[in-house]
Amino acid sequence: MFEINSRKSDLALAIIDSVISNKAKMTFNKAEMLIKRARRIAPEYIFVSDALAELYIEKGESLYKVK
């Protein structure tokens, strides 16, 4: 069971790293979808929620700058 959770964590982390590395090339919706997918894979890991929160903050800041 530990190995399965470890693999889930690794997969979720790989997805998050991919989003972080390619965030400038993708839309907020695409980044959000990928982070939520990582959250479904490993919901108990805080780094997934942190990445989603950071994305929402960035989206809010970009929308605020537009006004």
C-alpha atoms as a PDB file:
ATOM      1  CA  MET A   1       0.000   0.000   0.000  1.00  0.00           C
ATOM      2  CA  PHE A   2       2.854   2.359   0.802  1.00  0.00           C
ATOM      3  CA  GLU A   3       4.342   1.872  -2.648  1.00  0.00           C
ATOM      4  CA  ILE A   4       1.029   2.699  -4.345  1.00  0.00           C
ATOM      5  CA  ASN A   5       0.740   5.939  -2.366  1.00  0.00           C
ATOM      6  CA  SER A   6       4.348   6.739  -3.147  1.00  0.00           C
ATOM      7  CA  ARG A   7       3.734   6.263  -6.863  1.00  0.00           C
ATOM      8  CA  LYS A   8       0.611   8.433  -6.686  1.00  0.00           C
ATOM      9  CA  SER A   9       2.621  11.144  -4.976  1.00  0.00           C
ATOM     10  CA  ASP A  10       5.339  10.907  -7.629  1.00  0.00           C
ATOM     11  CA  LEU A  11       2.799  11.143 -10.435  1.00  0.00           C
ATOM     12  CA  ALA A  12       1.029  14.116  -8.866  1.00  0.00           C
ATOM     13  CA  LEU A  13       4.357  15.847  -8.320  1.00  0.00           C
ATOM     14  CA  ALA A  14       5.330  15.248 -11.960  1.00  0.00           C
ATOM     15  CA  ILE A  15       2.066  16.822 -13.120  1.00  0.00           C
ATOM     16  CA  ILE A  16       2.572  19.832 -10.834  1.00  0.00           C
ATOM     17  CA  ASP A  17       6.180  20.255 -12.012  1.00  0.00           C
ATOM     18  CA  SER A  18       4.993  20.123 -15.609  1.00  0.00           C
ATOM     19  CA  VAL A  19       2.413  22.829 -14.962  1.00  0.00           C
ATOM     20  CA  ILE A  20       4.960  25.022 -13.194  1.00  0.00           C
ATOM     21  CA  SER A  21       7.501  24.581 -15.996  1.00  0.00           C
ATOM     22  CA  ASN A  22       4.995  25.247 -18.792  1.00  0.00           C
ATOM     23  CA  LYS A  23       2.613  27.686 -17.099  1.00  0.00           C
ATOM     24  CA  ALA A  24       3.523  30.526 -19.480  1.00  0.00           C
ATOM     25  CA  LYS A  25       2.581  28.352 -22.469  1.00  0.00           C
ATOM     26  CA  MET A  26      -0.841  27.244 -21.227  1.00  0.00           C
ATOM     27  CA  THR A  27      -4.123  28.837 -20.303  1.00  0.00           C
ATOM     28  CA  PHE A  28      -5.293  29.125 -16.714  1.00  0.00           C
ATOM     29  CA  ASN A  29      -8.063  26.642 -17.462  1.00  0.00           C
ATOM     30  CA  LYS A  30      -5.606  24.042 -18.770  1.00  0.00           C
ATOM     31  CA  ALA A  31      -3.294  24.542 -15.777  1.00  0.00           C
ATOM     32  CA  GLU A  32      -6.265  24.296 -13.404  1.00  0.00           C
ATOM     33  CA  MET A  33      -7.475  21.102 -15.069  1.00  0.00           C
ATOM     34  CA  LEU A  34      -4.053  19.461 -14.738  1.00  0.00           C
ATOM     35  CA  ILE A  35      -3.650  20.492 -11.102  1.00  0.00           C
ATOM     36  CA  LYS A  36      -7.134  19.200 -10.293  1.00  0.00           C
ATOM     37  CA  ARG A  37      -6.199  15.921 -11.979  1.00  0.00           C
ATOM     38  CA  ALA A  38      -3.134  15.726  -9.734  1.00  0.00           C
ATOM     39  CA  ARG A  39      -5.421  16.435  -6.770  1.00  0.00           C
ATOM     40  CA  ARG A  40      -7.659  13.495  -7.722  1.00  0.00           C
ATOM     41  CA  ILE A  41      -4.617  11.239  -7.908  1.00  0.00           C
ATOM     42  CA  ALA A  42      -3.144  12.337  -4.562  1.00  0.00           C
ATOM     43  CA  PRO A  43      -5.723  14.352  -2.584  1.00  0.00           C
ATOM     44  CA  GLU A  44      -3.896  14.010   0.732  1.00  0.00           C
ATOM     45  CA  TYR A  45      -0.726  15.790  -0.410  1.00  0.00           C
ATOM     46  CA  ILE A  46      -0.625  19.453   0.540  1.00  0.00           C
ATOM     47  CA  PHE A  47       1.652  20.499  -2.325  1.00  0.00           C
ATOM     48  CA  VAL A  48      -1.195  19.850  -4.775  1.00  0.00           C
ATOM     49  CA  SER A  49      -3.530  22.191  -2.905  1.00  0.00           C
ATOM     50  CA  ASP A  50      -0.720  24.750  -2.633  1.00  0.00           C
ATOM     51  CA  ALA A  51      -0.187  24.680  -6.395  1.00  0.00           C
ATOM     52  CA  LEU A  52      -3.895  25.207  -7.017  1.00  0.00           C
ATOM     53  CA  ALA A  53      -4.024  28.082  -4.521  1.00  0.00           C
ATOM     54  CA  GLU A  54      -0.985  29.692  -6.147  1.00  0.00           C
ATOM     55  CA  LEU A  55      -2.616  29.393  -9.569  1.00  0.00           C
ATOM     56  CA  TYR A  56      -5.790  31.090  -8.308  1.00  0.00           C
ATOM     57  CA  ILE A  57      -3.745  33.914  -6.783  1.00  0.00           C
ATOM     58  CA  GLU A  58      -1.898  34.430 -10.069  1.00  0.00           C
ATOM     59  CA  LYS A  59      -5.180  34.393 -11.975  1.00  0.00           C
ATOM     60  CA  GLY A  60      -6.670  36.944  -9.596  1.00  0.00           C
ATOM     61  CA  GLU A  61      -3.625  39.187  -9.923  1.00  0.00           C
ATOM     62  CA  SER A  62      -3.726  39.034 -13.714  1.00  0.00           C
ATOM     63  CA  LEU A  63      -7.447  39.818 -13.770  1.00  0.00           C
ATOM     64  CA  TYR A  64      -6.897  42.701 -11.347  1.00  0.00           C
ATOM     65  CA  LYS A  65      -4.171  44.174 -13.591  1.00  0.00           C
ATOM     66  CA  VAL A  66      -6.507  44.075 -16.604  1.00  0.00           C
ATOM     67  CA  LYS A  67      -9.028  46.372 -14.903  1.00  0.00           C
END
